[in-house]
C-alpha atoms as a PDB file:
ATOM      1  CA  MET A   1       3.060 -32.293  44.409  1.00  0.00           C
ATOM      2  CA  ASN A   2       0.953 -30.029  42.205  1.00  0.00           C
ATOM      3  CA  LYS A   3       2.618 -26.903  43.601  1.00  0.00           C
ATOM      4  CA  ILE A   4       6.044 -28.299  42.772  1.00  0.00           C
ATOM      5  CA  LEU A   5       5.014 -29.078  39.180  1.00  0.00           C
ATOM      6  CA  TYR A   6       3.413 -25.638  38.859  1.00  0.00           C
ATOM      7  CA  ALA A   7       6.566 -23.948  40.189  1.00  0.00           C
ATOM      8  CA  LEU A   8       8.700 -26.021  37.812  1.00  0.00           C
ATOM      9  CA  LEU A   9       6.462 -25.077  34.879  1.00  0.00           C
ATOM     10  CA  LEU A  10       6.666 -21.386  35.799  1.00  0.00           C
ATOM     11  CA  THR A  11      10.435 -21.588  36.108  1.00  0.00           C
ATOM     12  CA  ILE A  12      10.787 -23.267  32.709  1.00  0.00           C
ATOM     13  CA  VAL A  13       8.473 -20.735  31.048  1.00  0.00           C
ATOM     14  CA  PHE A  14      10.378 -17.873  32.707  1.00  0.00           C
ATOM     15  CA  ILE A  15      13.751 -19.202  31.529  1.00  0.00           C
ATOM     16  CA  LEU A  16      12.425 -19.722  27.994  1.00  0.00           C
ATOM     17  CA  GLY A  17      11.012 -16.195  28.003  1.00  0.00           C
ATOM     18  CA  ILE A  18      14.305 -14.655  29.115  1.00  0.00           C
ATOM     19  CA  ALA A  19      16.219 -16.727  26.554  1.00  0.00           C
ATOM     20  CA  SER A  20      13.793 -15.638  23.817  1.00  0.00           C
ATOM     21  CA  ILE A  21      14.243 -11.984  24.745  1.00  0.00           C
ATOM     22  CA  PHE A  22      18.039 -12.219  24.613  1.00  0.00           C
ATOM     23  CA  TYR A  23      17.956 -14.201  21.358  1.00  0.00           C
ATOM     24  CA  GLY A  24      15.662 -11.586  19.845  1.00  0.00           C
ATOM     25  CA  LEU A  25      18.012  -8.826  20.955  1.00  0.00           C
ATOM     26  CA  PHE A  26      20.940 -10.745  19.445  1.00  0.00           C
ATOM     27  CA  ILE A  27      19.141 -11.037  16.104  1.00  0.00           C
ATOM     28  CA  PHE A  28      18.053  -7.380  16.291  1.00  0.00           C
ATOM     29  CA  TRP A  29      21.581  -6.171  17.125  1.00  0.00           C
ATOM     30  CA  LYS A  30      23.156  -7.122  13.788  1.00  0.00           C
ATOM     31  CA  PRO A  31      21.081  -4.775  11.570  1.00  0.00           C
ATOM     32  CA  VAL A  32      21.192  -2.047  14.216  1.00  0.00           C
ATOM     33  CA  ALA A  33      24.990  -2.239  14.177  1.00  0.00           C
ATOM     34  CA  PHE A  34      25.026  -1.726  10.390  1.00  0.00           C
ATOM     35  CA  ILE A  35      22.645   1.235  10.686  1.00  0.00           C
ATOM     36  CA  PHE A  36      24.741   2.774  13.467  1.00  0.00           C
ATOM     37  CA  ILE A  37      27.991   2.361  11.531  1.00  0.00           C
ATOM     38  CA  GLY A  38      26.309   3.858   8.455  1.00  0.00           C
ATOM     39  CA  VAL A  39      25.228   6.919  10.437  1.00  0.00           C
ATOM     40  CA  VAL A  40      28.732   7.276  11.878  1.00  0.00           C
ATOM     41  CA  LEU A  41      30.292   7.074   8.403  1.00  0.00           C
ATOM     42  CA  VAL A  42      27.860   9.664   7.030  1.00  0.00           C
ATOM     43  CA  GLY A  43      28.747  11.935   9.955  1.00  0.00           C
ATOM     44  CA  VAL A  44      32.471  11.500   9.318  1.00  0.00           C
ATOM     45  CA  ALA A  45      31.977  12.261   5.619  1.00  0.00           C
ATOM     46  CA  TYR A  46      29.994  15.398   6.504  1.00  0.00           C
ATOM     47  CA  LEU A  47      32.677  16.579   8.933  1.00  0.00           C
ATOM     48  CA  LEU A  48      35.457  15.928   6.421  1.00  0.00           C
ATOM     49  CA  ASN A  49      33.488  17.837   3.794  1.00  0.00           C
ATOM     50  CA  GLN A  50      33.101  20.801   6.145  1.00  0.00           C
ATOM     51  CA  LEU A  51      36.792  20.802   7.084  1.00  0.00           C
ATOM     52  CA  TYR A  52      38.062  20.561   3.487  1.00  0.00           C
ATOM     53  CA  THR A  53      39.110  23.899   2.026  1.00  0.00           C
ATOM     54  CA  ASP A  54      38.836  24.161  -1.718  1.00  0.00           C
ATOM     55  CA  ASP A  55      41.799  26.125  -3.105  1.00  0.00           C
ATOM     56  CA  SER A  56      39.794  27.816  -5.852  1.00  0.00           C
ATOM     57  CA  SER A  57      37.150  29.097  -3.438  1.00  0.00           C
ATOM     58  CA  ALA A  58      39.870  30.244  -1.003  1.00  0.00           C
ATOM     59  CA  GLU A  59      41.496  32.310  -3.775  1.00  0.00           C
ATOM     60  CA  ARG A  60      38.180  33.953  -4.617  1.00  0.00           C
ATOM     61  CA  ARG A  61      37.623  34.925  -0.983  1.00  0.00           C
ATOM     62  CA  ASP A  62      41.058  36.556  -0.780  1.00  0.00           C
ATOM     63  CA  LYS A  63      40.383  38.880  -3.716  1.00  0.00           C
END
């Protein structure tokens, strides 16, 4: 009977541990998503800035 209780205890602790890991990852995911989206938006802004041609600077290069 002691082995059955020990196995049950180990199973419960294992399930709680796995649930805690996934809950922690769920909590951790929200701020990581904001950071990732922020980096993506900064990258898009940088690319748009590089692709934009300023008319006044283009006229100076032609002369």
